[in-house]
C-alpha atoms as a PDB file:
ATOM      1  CA  MET A   1      15.356   0.086  13.414  1.00  0.00           C
ATOM      2  CA  ILE A   2      14.917   3.645  12.615  1.00  0.00           C
ATOM      3  CA  PHE A   3      14.918   4.617   8.869  1.00  0.00           C
ATOM      4  CA  GLU A   4      16.687   7.852   7.886  1.00  0.00           C
ATOM      5  CA  ASN A   5      14.015   8.437   5.371  1.00  0.00           C
ATOM      6  CA  ARG A   6      11.769   6.724   2.749  1.00  0.00           C
ATOM      7  CA  GLN A   7      14.724   6.253   0.404  1.00  0.00           C
ATOM      8  CA  HIS A   8      16.658   4.491   3.088  1.00  0.00           C
ATOM      9  CA  ALA A   9      13.684   2.013   3.410  1.00  0.00           C
ATOM     10  CA  GLY A  10      13.736   1.703  -0.299  1.00  0.00           C
ATOM     11  CA  GLU A  11      17.341   0.610  -0.260  1.00  0.00           C
ATOM     12  CA  LEU A  12      16.831  -1.946   2.407  1.00  0.00           C
ATOM     13  CA  LEU A  13      13.843  -3.369   0.799  1.00  0.00           C
ATOM     14  CA  SER A  14      15.610  -3.653  -2.635  1.00  0.00           C
ATOM     15  CA  LYS A  15      18.282  -5.749  -0.893  1.00  0.00           C
ATOM     16  CA  GLU A  16      15.660  -7.943   0.571  1.00  0.00           C
ATOM     17  CA  LEU A  17      13.817  -8.438  -2.592  1.00  0.00           C
ATOM     18  CA  LEU A  18      16.929  -9.416  -4.422  1.00  0.00           C
ATOM     19  CA  LYS A  19      17.220 -12.411  -2.037  1.00  0.00           C
ATOM     20  CA  LEU A  20      13.988 -13.912  -3.400  1.00  0.00           C
ATOM     21  CA  LYS A  21      15.626 -14.237  -6.977  1.00  0.00           C
ATOM     22  CA  LEU A  22      12.631 -13.015  -8.837  1.00  0.00           C
ATOM     23  CA  ASP A  23      12.426 -13.146 -12.563  1.00  0.00           C
ATOM     24  CA  LEU A  24      12.737  -9.222 -12.894  1.00  0.00           C
ATOM     25  CA  LYS A  25      11.639  -9.298 -16.425  1.00  0.00           C
ATOM     26  CA  LYS A  26       8.228 -10.596 -15.151  1.00  0.00           C
ATOM     27  CA  SER A  27       7.956  -8.294 -12.267  1.00  0.00           C
ATOM     28  CA  ILE A  28       6.346  -4.972 -11.407  1.00  0.00           C
ATOM     29  CA  ILE A  29       6.380  -2.608  -8.437  1.00  0.00           C
ATOM     30  CA  CYS A  30       2.805  -1.395  -7.419  1.00  0.00           C
ATOM     31  CA  ALA A  31       3.221   1.460  -4.875  1.00  0.00           C
ATOM     32  CA  ILE A  32       0.598   2.999  -2.521  1.00  0.00           C
ATOM     33  CA  PRO A  33       0.463   6.710  -2.844  1.00  0.00           C
ATOM     34  CA  ARG A  34       1.898   8.860  -1.365  1.00  0.00           C
ATOM     35  CA  GLY A  35       4.831   7.796   0.728  1.00  0.00           C
ATOM     36  CA  GLY A  36       4.978   4.404  -0.930  1.00  0.00           C
ATOM     37  CA  VAL A  37       5.769   5.924  -4.172  1.00  0.00           C
ATOM     38  CA  LEU A  38       9.058   7.333  -2.961  1.00  0.00           C
ATOM     39  CA  VAL A  39      10.003   3.862  -1.446  1.00  0.00           C
ATOM     40  CA  GLY A  40       8.851   2.249  -4.645  1.00  0.00           C
ATOM     41  CA  LYS A  41      10.863   4.667  -6.805  1.00  0.00           C
ATOM     42  CA  VAL A  42      14.047   3.527  -5.146  1.00  0.00           C
ATOM     43  CA  ILE A  43      13.219  -0.228  -5.464  1.00  0.00           C
ATOM     44  CA  SER A  44      12.311   0.255  -9.199  1.00  0.00           C
ATOM     45  CA  GLN A  45      15.503   1.956 -10.063  1.00  0.00           C
ATOM     46  CA  ASN A  46      17.670  -0.482  -8.181  1.00  0.00           C
ATOM     47  CA  LEU A  47      15.904  -3.490  -9.577  1.00  0.00           C
ATOM     48  CA  ASN A  48      15.344  -1.977 -12.917  1.00  0.00           C
ATOM     49  CA  ILE A  49      11.559  -2.958 -13.058  1.00  0.00           C
ATOM     50  CA  PRO A  50       8.535  -0.934 -13.854  1.00  0.00           C
ATOM     51  CA  LEU A  51       6.679   1.306 -11.314  1.00  0.00           C
ATOM     52  CA  CYS A  52       3.020   1.883 -11.216  1.00  0.00           C
ATOM     53  CA  VAL A  53       0.582   2.803  -8.447  1.00  0.00           C
ATOM     54  CA  ILE A  54      -2.575   1.641  -6.772  1.00  0.00           C
ATOM     55  CA  VAL A  55      -4.810   3.985  -5.105  1.00  0.00           C
ATOM     56  CA  ILE A  56      -6.344   2.852  -1.882  1.00  0.00           C
ATOM     57  CA  LYS A  57      -8.447   4.978   0.550  1.00  0.00           C
ATOM     58  CA  LYS A  58      -8.768   4.201   4.163  1.00  0.00           C
ATOM     59  CA  ILE A  59     -12.222   4.130   5.604  1.00  0.00           C
ATOM     60  CA  GLY A  60     -11.944   5.882   8.996  1.00  0.00           C
ATOM     61  CA  ALA A  61     -14.162   5.552  12.167  1.00  0.00           C
ATOM     62  CA  LEU A  62     -16.823   8.134  12.770  1.00  0.00           C
ATOM     63  CA  HIS A  63     -15.261  10.100  15.401  1.00  0.00           C
ATOM     64  CA  ASN A  64     -11.628   9.153  14.693  1.00  0.00           C
ATOM     65  CA  PRO A  65     -10.933   9.290  10.868  1.00  0.00           C
ATOM     66  CA  GLU A  66      -7.349   8.222  11.407  1.00  0.00           C
ATOM     67  CA  LEU A  67      -8.546   4.882  12.826  1.00  0.00           C
ATOM     68  CA  ALA A  68      -9.000   2.629   9.895  1.00  0.00           C
ATOM     69  CA  ILE A  69     -12.008   0.345  10.098  1.00  0.00           C
ATOM     70  CA  GLY A  70     -11.337  -0.656   6.486  1.00  0.00           C
ATOM     71  CA  ALA A  71     -10.118   0.402   2.999  1.00  0.00           C
ATOM     72  CA  THR A  72     -11.430   0.473  -0.540  1.00  0.00           C
ATOM     73  CA  ALA A  73     -10.226   1.108  -4.118  1.00  0.00           C
ATOM     74  CA  SER A  74     -12.500   2.750  -6.770  1.00  0.00           C
ATOM     75  CA  PHE A  75     -13.861  -0.631  -7.518  1.00  0.00           C
ATOM     76  CA  GLY A  76     -14.259  -4.073  -6.114  1.00  0.00           C
ATOM     77  CA  LYS A  77     -15.250  -5.057  -2.699  1.00  0.00           C
ATOM     78  CA  PRO A  78     -13.881  -3.115   0.312  1.00  0.00           C
ATOM     79  CA  VAL A  79     -11.966  -4.844   3.195  1.00  0.00           C
ATOM     80  CA  LEU A  80     -13.365  -4.243   6.581  1.00  0.00           C
ATOM     81  CA  ASP A  81     -12.444  -4.848  10.148  1.00  0.00           C
ATOM     82  CA  ARG A  82     -15.568  -6.557  11.430  1.00  0.00           C
ATOM     83  CA  TRP A  83     -14.417  -6.882  14.854  1.00  0.00           C
ATOM     84  CA  LEU A  84     -13.436  -3.195  15.291  1.00  0.00           C
ATOM     85  CA  MET A  85     -16.585  -2.100  13.626  1.00  0.00           C
ATOM     86  CA  ARG A  86     -18.641  -3.984  16.138  1.00  0.00           C
ATOM     87  CA  ASP A  87     -16.750  -2.786  19.130  1.00  0.00           C
ATOM     88  CA  LEU A  88     -17.267   0.914  17.798  1.00  0.00           C
ATOM     89  CA  GLY A  89     -20.930   0.321  16.890  1.00  0.00           C
ATOM     90  CA  VAL A  90     -20.443   1.308  13.307  1.00  0.00           C
ATOM     91  CA  SER A  91     -23.851   1.674  11.615  1.00  0.00           C
ATOM     92  CA  ARG A  92     -24.657   0.384   8.129  1.00  0.00           C
ATOM     93  CA  GLU A  93     -25.648   3.752   7.090  1.00  0.00           C
ATOM     94  CA  TYR A  94     -22.362   5.328   8.021  1.00  0.00           C
ATOM     95  CA  LEU A  95     -20.446   2.558   6.335  1.00  0.00           C
ATOM     96  CA  LYS A  96     -22.307   2.654   3.143  1.00  0.00           C
ATOM     97  CA  ARG A  97     -21.951   6.497   3.004  1.00  0.00           C
ATOM     98  CA  GLU A  98     -18.156   6.207   3.668  1.00  0.00           C
ATOM     99  CA  ILE A  99     -17.485   3.467   1.122  1.00  0.00           C
ATOM    100  CA  LEU A 100     -19.294   5.585  -1.472  1.00  0.00           C
ATOM    101  CA  LYS A 101     -17.265   8.698  -0.560  1.00  0.00           C
ATOM    102  CA  LYS A 102     -14.049   6.887  -0.438  1.00  0.00           C
ATOM    103  CA  ARG A 103     -14.464   5.204  -3.899  1.00  0.00           C
ATOM    104  CA  LYS A 104     -15.343   8.627  -5.408  1.00  0.00           C
ATOM    105  CA  GLU A 105     -12.136  10.003  -3.728  1.00  0.00           C
ATOM    106  CA  ALA A 106     -10.091   7.012  -5.145  1.00  0.00           C
ATOM    107  CA  ARG A 107     -11.461   7.545  -8.584  1.00  0.00           C
ATOM    108  CA  ALA A 108     -10.584  11.137  -8.595  1.00  0.00           C
ATOM    109  CA  ARG A 109      -7.046  10.290  -7.247  1.00  0.00           C
ATOM    110  CA  GLU A 110      -6.629   7.762 -10.063  1.00  0.00           C
ATOM    111  CA  ASN A 111      -7.635  10.375 -12.754  1.00  0.00           C
ATOM    112  CA  PHE A 112      -5.117  12.826 -11.084  1.00  0.00           C
ATOM    113  CA  LEU A 113      -2.258  10.401 -11.114  1.00  0.00           C
ATOM    114  CA  GLN A 114      -3.455   8.771 -14.379  1.00  0.00           C
ATOM    115  CA  ALA A 115      -3.246   5.424 -12.546  1.00  0.00           C
ATOM    116  CA  GLU A 116      -5.387   3.064 -14.561  1.00  0.00           C
ATOM    117  CA  LEU A 117      -5.119  -0.482 -13.446  1.00  0.00           C
ATOM    118  CA  LEU A 118      -4.545  -2.941 -16.409  1.00  0.00           C
ATOM    119  CA  GLY A 119      -4.988  -6.670 -15.897  1.00  0.00           C
ATOM    120  CA  SER A 120      -2.034  -7.084 -18.391  1.00  0.00           C
ATOM    121  CA  ASP A 121       0.325  -5.224 -16.008  1.00  0.00           C
ATOM    122  CA  PHE A 122      -0.250  -7.885 -13.173  1.00  0.00           C
ATOM    123  CA  ALA A 123      -1.352 -11.136 -14.913  1.00  0.00           C
ATOM    124  CA  LYS A 124       1.303 -13.916 -14.498  1.00  0.00           C
ATOM    125  CA  LYS A 125       3.880 -11.473 -13.167  1.00  0.00           C
ATOM    126  CA  ASN A 126       5.637 -10.913  -9.764  1.00  0.00           C
ATOM    127  CA  VAL A 127       3.801  -8.026  -8.246  1.00  0.00           C
ATOM    128  CA  VAL A 128       5.463  -6.303  -5.445  1.00  0.00           C
ATOM    129  CA  VAL A 129       3.096  -3.939  -3.442  1.00  0.00           C
ATOM    130  CA  VAL A 130       5.056  -1.119  -1.696  1.00  0.00           C
ATOM    131  CA  ASP A 131       4.295   1.298   1.143  1.00  0.00           C
ATOM    132  CA  ASP A 132       6.536   3.051   3.622  1.00  0.00           C
ATOM    133  CA  GLY A 133       4.700   0.951   6.483  1.00  0.00           C
ATOM    134  CA  ALA A 134       1.555  -0.525   7.746  1.00  0.00           C
ATOM    135  CA  ALA A 135      -0.087   0.827  10.919  1.00  0.00           C
ATOM    136  CA  THR A 136      -3.406  -1.309  10.602  1.00  0.00           C
ATOM    137  CA  GLY A 137      -2.754  -3.344   7.344  1.00  0.00           C
ATOM    138  CA  GLN A 138      -6.049  -2.478   5.917  1.00  0.00           C
ATOM    139  CA  THR A 139      -4.724  -0.453   3.020  1.00  0.00           C
ATOM    140  CA  ALA A 140      -2.284  -3.246   2.010  1.00  0.00           C
ATOM    141  CA  ARG A 141      -5.012  -5.720   2.594  1.00  0.00           C
ATOM    142  CA  ALA A 142      -7.346  -3.930   0.102  1.00  0.00           C
ATOM    143  CA  ALA A 143      -4.483  -3.618  -2.421  1.00  0.00           C
ATOM    144  CA  ALA A 144      -4.023  -7.315  -2.304  1.00  0.00           C
ATOM    145  CA  LYS A 145      -7.678  -8.018  -2.900  1.00  0.00           C
ATOM    146  CA  ILE A 146      -7.790  -5.788  -5.967  1.00  0.00           C
ATOM    147  CA  ILE A 147      -4.489  -7.186  -7.567  1.00  0.00           C
ATOM    148  CA  ARG A 148      -5.523 -10.777  -6.889  1.00  0.00           C
ATOM    149  CA  MET A 149      -8.326 -10.166  -9.331  1.00  0.00           C
ATOM    150  CA  PHE A 150      -5.772  -9.896 -12.078  1.00  0.00           C
ATOM    151  CA  ALA A 151      -4.175 -13.367 -11.505  1.00  0.00           C
ATOM    152  CA  PRO A 152      -0.476 -12.351 -10.692  1.00  0.00           C
ATOM    153  CA  GLU A 153       2.090 -15.275 -10.485  1.00  0.00           C
ATOM    154  CA  ARG A 154       3.346 -14.120  -7.176  1.00  0.00           C
ATOM    155  CA  LEU A 155       2.090 -11.339  -4.750  1.00  0.00           C
ATOM    156  CA  ILE A 156       4.728  -9.862  -2.414  1.00  0.00           C
ATOM    157  CA  LEU A 157       4.355  -7.019   0.040  1.00  0.00           C
ATOM    158  CA  ALA A 158       7.496  -4.858   0.765  1.00  0.00           C
ATOM    159  CA  ILE A 159       6.975  -2.386   3.522  1.00  0.00           C
ATOM    160  CA  GLY A 160       9.365  -0.547   5.996  1.00  0.00           C
ATOM    161  CA  CYS A 161       7.737  -1.181   9.229  1.00  0.00           C
ATOM    162  CA  ALA A 162       4.586  -2.721  10.807  1.00  0.00           C
ATOM    163  CA  SER A 163       3.070  -4.114  13.968  1.00  0.00           C
ATOM    164  CA  PRO A 164       2.947  -7.810  14.493  1.00  0.00           C
ATOM    165  CA  SER A 165      -0.876  -7.681  14.443  1.00  0.00           C
ATOM    166  CA  SER A 166      -0.786  -6.078  10.911  1.00  0.00           C
ATOM    167  CA  VAL A 167       1.745  -8.517   9.670  1.00  0.00           C
ATOM    168  CA  GLY A 168      -0.449 -11.412  10.902  1.00  0.00           C
ATOM    169  CA  LEU A 169      -3.498  -9.790   9.209  1.00  0.00           C
ATOM    170  CA  LEU A 170      -1.733  -9.728   5.986  1.00  0.00           C
ATOM    171  CA  ARG A 171      -0.101 -13.126   5.866  1.00  0.00           C
ATOM    172  CA  GLY A 172      -2.995 -14.766   4.253  1.00  0.00           C
ATOM    173  CA  ASN A 173      -3.251 -12.188   1.573  1.00  0.00           C
ATOM    174  CA  TYR A 174       0.445 -12.100   0.244  1.00  0.00           C
ATOM    175  CA  ASP A 175       2.631 -15.002  -0.815  1.00  0.00           C
ATOM    176  CA  GLU A 176       5.590 -13.157   0.826  1.00  0.00           C
ATOM    177  CA  ILE A 177       6.036 -10.274   3.114  1.00  0.00           C
ATOM    178  CA  ILE A 178       9.274  -8.329   3.565  1.00  0.00           C
ATOM    179  CA  CYS A 179       9.348  -6.004   6.512  1.00  0.00           C
ATOM    180  CA  PRO A 180      12.713  -5.072   8.231  1.00  0.00           C
ATOM    181  CA  GLU A 181      10.991  -3.454  11.271  1.00  0.00           C
ATOM    182  CA  ILE A 182       8.123  -5.360  13.106  1.00  0.00           C
ATOM    183  CA  SER A 183       7.579  -3.783  16.403  1.00  0.00           C
ATOM    184  CA  GLU A 184       4.851  -4.146  19.226  1.00  0.00           C
ATOM    185  CA  GLU A 185       5.417  -0.414  19.771  1.00  0.00           C
ATOM    186  CA  LEU A 186       4.274   0.723  16.423  1.00  0.00           C
ATOM    187  CA  PHE A 187       1.288   2.967  16.665  1.00  0.00           C
ATOM    188  CA  ALA A 188       2.118   5.240  13.599  1.00  0.00           C
ATOM    189  CA  VAL A 189       4.454   4.569  10.633  1.00  0.00           C
ATOM    190  CA  GLY A 190       6.197   7.903  11.193  1.00  0.00           C
ATOM    191  CA  GLN A 191       7.716   6.594  14.493  1.00  0.00           C
ATOM    192  CA  PHE A 192      10.176   4.616  12.629  1.00  0.00           C
ATOM    193  CA  TYR A 193      11.476   7.425  10.341  1.00  0.00           C
ATOM    194  CA  ARG A 194      13.740  10.242  11.160  1.00  0.00           C
ATOM    195  CA  ASP A 195      12.520  12.181   8.115  1.00  0.00           C
ATOM    196  CA  PHE A 196       8.677  11.515   7.507  1.00  0.00           C
ATOM    197  CA  ARG A 197       7.835  14.668   5.884  1.00  0.00           C
ATOM    198  CA  PRO A 198       4.588  14.844   3.946  1.00  0.00           C
ATOM    199  CA  VAL A 199       5.029  13.808   0.248  1.00  0.00           C
ATOM    200  CA  LYS A 200       3.597  16.512  -2.063  1.00  0.00           C
ATOM    201  CA  ASP A 201       1.527  15.643  -5.167  1.00  0.00           C
ATOM    202  CA  GLU A 202       3.907  17.388  -7.394  1.00  0.00           C
ATOM    203  CA  GLU A 203       6.679  15.016  -6.098  1.00  0.00           C
ATOM    204  CA  VAL A 204       4.453  11.847  -6.749  1.00  0.00           C
ATOM    205  CA  LYS A 205       3.666  13.239 -10.363  1.00  0.00           C
ATOM    206  CA  ALA A 206       7.359  13.974 -11.086  1.00  0.00           C
ATOM    207  CA  ILE A 207       8.346  10.389 -10.075  1.00  0.00           C
ATOM    208  CA  LEU A 208       5.512   8.901 -12.248  1.00  0.00           C
ATOM    209  CA  ASN A 209       6.482  11.303 -15.076  1.00  0.00           C
ATOM    210  CA  ILE A 210       3.016  12.819 -15.360  1.00  0.00           C
ATOM    211  CA  LYS A 211       2.761  16.008 -17.335  1.00  0.00           C
ATOM    212  CA  ASP A 212      -0.044  18.602 -16.485  1.00  0.00           C
END
């Protein structure tokens, strides 16, 4: 399946989420910026449930920053791909430096988006983590780890596309995974979107109703 754009993915995911018959009054959408916010906006509007964001920063490999060896929020323990790190020979010094750097970036991003995570937003609620897709699964895995700290009733992942390996990695982290397109040929999320334009900060802030 090729999505027209992120809005299209949000419409399809909304329909799939309705099939779960969640108590919508006890539910919240937690989108991963930036692309996930556009998808999350559609779901939030269609299901009439609140939208918030969770900032996760990918930890990239030394000579290939786009290759995720892990991910981290501004707090809590990072998630790491130990097998990949071993294959790449990632040093402890590099890893420590990158984790500190990415946590600092995540904290700055939270401030910019006014994205304070509150336990009361998630405790005993159905939390739906939303993104446009998952190439490695590390970002969604880190999001699950953070949200689990707040004891949600049910934790659901709703993403447009993913590889089978990413879905397999994430199954133990979520109670339910909704993903319309699971493909062995996925190497980048943008492969499965006709319109995968970069999402600007101004657009994210407008969706979240953030005033300068």
